[in-house]
Amino acid sequence: MNIKDIRPQQRVTYVPFSSTRDIQHKDAESGIASSVTHTRVFVKFDKQIEKLGWNDTAAQACDPEDIF
């Protein structure tokens, strides 16, 4: 996904490059973009939000090429 198309609070799926861009791959993770810079998308992943809550979940920096 183009980084210019990603907005905070948007639902996204992180698909690692090693998973051959398969959105159904076991390593793909869903989450919410918490912030976006010119080079990275910061994502709070659903599993962590469920466990810790939104405020206590640390956002993970992701390459925008890995975001779908």
C-alpha atoms as a PDB file:
ATOM      1  CA  MET A   1       0.000   0.000   0.000  1.00  0.00           C
ATOM      2  CA  ASN A   2       1.244   3.487  -0.751  1.00  0.00           C
ATOM      3  CA  ILE A   3       2.144   5.308   2.458  1.00  0.00           C
ATOM      4  CA  LYS A   4       0.186   8.359   1.263  1.00  0.00           C
ATOM      5  CA  ASP A   5      -2.988   6.242   1.352  1.00  0.00           C
ATOM      6  CA  ILE A   6      -2.590   5.140   4.975  1.00  0.00           C
ATOM      7  CA  ARG A   7      -4.232   7.197   7.716  1.00  0.00           C
ATOM      8  CA  PRO A   8      -4.148   6.944  11.518  1.00  0.00           C
ATOM      9  CA  GLN A   9      -6.986   4.786  12.881  1.00  0.00           C
ATOM     10  CA  GLN A  10      -7.185   2.833   9.607  1.00  0.00           C
ATOM     11  CA  ARG A  11      -7.420  -0.952   9.840  1.00  0.00           C
ATOM     12  CA  VAL A  12      -4.439  -2.584   8.177  1.00  0.00           C
ATOM     13  CA  THR A  13      -2.849  -5.976   7.763  1.00  0.00           C
ATOM     14  CA  TYR A  14       0.894  -6.409   8.128  1.00  0.00           C
ATOM     15  CA  VAL A  15       2.240  -9.068   5.782  1.00  0.00           C
ATOM     16  CA  PRO A  16       5.971  -9.764   6.221  1.00  0.00           C
ATOM     17  CA  PHE A  17       8.047  -9.762   3.046  1.00  0.00           C
ATOM     18  CA  SER A  18       9.121 -13.341   3.825  1.00  0.00           C
ATOM     19  CA  SER A  19       5.492 -14.515   3.517  1.00  0.00           C
ATOM     20  CA  THR A  20       5.495 -13.795  -0.230  1.00  0.00           C
ATOM     21  CA  ARG A  21       2.824 -11.094   0.210  1.00  0.00           C
ATOM     22  CA  ASP A  22       0.143 -13.670   1.012  1.00  0.00           C
ATOM     23  CA  ILE A  23      -2.452 -11.884   3.157  1.00  0.00           C
ATOM     24  CA  GLN A  24      -3.676 -15.311   4.375  1.00  0.00           C
ATOM     25  CA  HIS A  25      -0.177 -16.342   5.512  1.00  0.00           C
ATOM     26  CA  LYS A  26       0.098 -17.466   9.138  1.00  0.00           C
ATOM     27  CA  ASP A  27       2.484 -14.594   9.891  1.00  0.00           C
ATOM     28  CA  ALA A  28       0.121 -11.860   8.655  1.00  0.00           C
ATOM     29  CA  GLU A  29      -1.251  -9.718  11.499  1.00  0.00           C
ATOM     30  CA  SER A  30      -4.179  -7.316  11.631  1.00  0.00           C
ATOM     31  CA  GLY A  31      -4.134  -4.063  13.514  1.00  0.00           C
ATOM     32  CA  ILE A  32      -4.754  -0.343  13.465  1.00  0.00           C
ATOM     33  CA  ALA A  33      -2.350   2.289  12.169  1.00  0.00           C
ATOM     34  CA  SER A  34      -1.703   4.566  15.130  1.00  0.00           C
ATOM     35  CA  SER A  35       0.514   7.010  13.244  1.00  0.00           C
ATOM     36  CA  VAL A  36       2.231   7.446   9.899  1.00  0.00           C
ATOM     37  CA  THR A  37       5.521   9.156   9.052  1.00  0.00           C
ATOM     38  CA  HIS A  38       7.086   9.663   5.650  1.00  0.00           C
ATOM     39  CA  THR A  39       8.914   6.317   5.940  1.00  0.00           C
ATOM     40  CA  ARG A  40       7.057   4.122   8.470  1.00  0.00           C
ATOM     41  CA  VAL A  41       3.603   3.062   9.534  1.00  0.00           C
ATOM     42  CA  PHE A  42       3.200   2.501  13.270  1.00  0.00           C
ATOM     43  CA  VAL A  43       0.725  -0.282  13.962  1.00  0.00           C
ATOM     44  CA  LYS A  44      -0.919  -1.462  17.151  1.00  0.00           C
ATOM     45  CA  PHE A  45      -1.724  -5.114  16.539  1.00  0.00           C
ATOM     46  CA  ASP A  46      -5.072  -6.616  17.536  1.00  0.00           C
ATOM     47  CA  LYS A  47      -3.596  -9.372  19.709  1.00  0.00           C
ATOM     48  CA  GLN A  48      -1.724  -6.857  21.848  1.00  0.00           C
ATOM     49  CA  ILE A  49      -4.682  -4.458  22.035  1.00  0.00           C
ATOM     50  CA  GLU A  50      -6.887  -7.314  23.267  1.00  0.00           C
ATOM     51  CA  LYS A  51      -4.327  -8.240  25.907  1.00  0.00           C
ATOM     52  CA  LEU A  52      -3.161  -4.790  27.083  1.00  0.00           C
ATOM     53  CA  GLY A  53      -5.702  -2.249  25.848  1.00  0.00           C
ATOM     54  CA  TRP A  54      -5.105   0.564  23.378  1.00  0.00           C
ATOM     55  CA  ASN A  55      -3.200   2.878  25.740  1.00  0.00           C
ATOM     56  CA  ASP A  56      -0.764   0.224  26.978  1.00  0.00           C
ATOM     57  CA  THR A  57      -0.025  -1.313  23.571  1.00  0.00           C
ATOM     58  CA  ALA A  58       3.227  -0.173  21.973  1.00  0.00           C
ATOM     59  CA  ALA A  59       2.980   0.592  18.263  1.00  0.00           C
ATOM     60  CA  GLN A  60       5.359  -1.338  16.031  1.00  0.00           C
ATOM     61  CA  ALA A  61       7.166   0.421  13.175  1.00  0.00           C
ATOM     62  CA  CYS A  62       6.379  -1.263   9.855  1.00  0.00           C
ATOM     63  CA  ASP A  63       7.599  -0.781   6.319  1.00  0.00           C
ATOM     64  CA  PRO A  64       4.691   0.565   4.273  1.00  0.00           C
ATOM     65  CA  GLU A  65       5.433  -2.036   1.586  1.00  0.00           C
ATOM     66  CA  ASP A  66       4.387  -4.681   4.130  1.00  0.00           C
ATOM     67  CA  ILE A  67       1.025  -3.032   4.858  1.00  0.00           C
ATOM     68  CA  PHE A  68      -2.178  -4.067   3.089  1.00  0.00           C
END
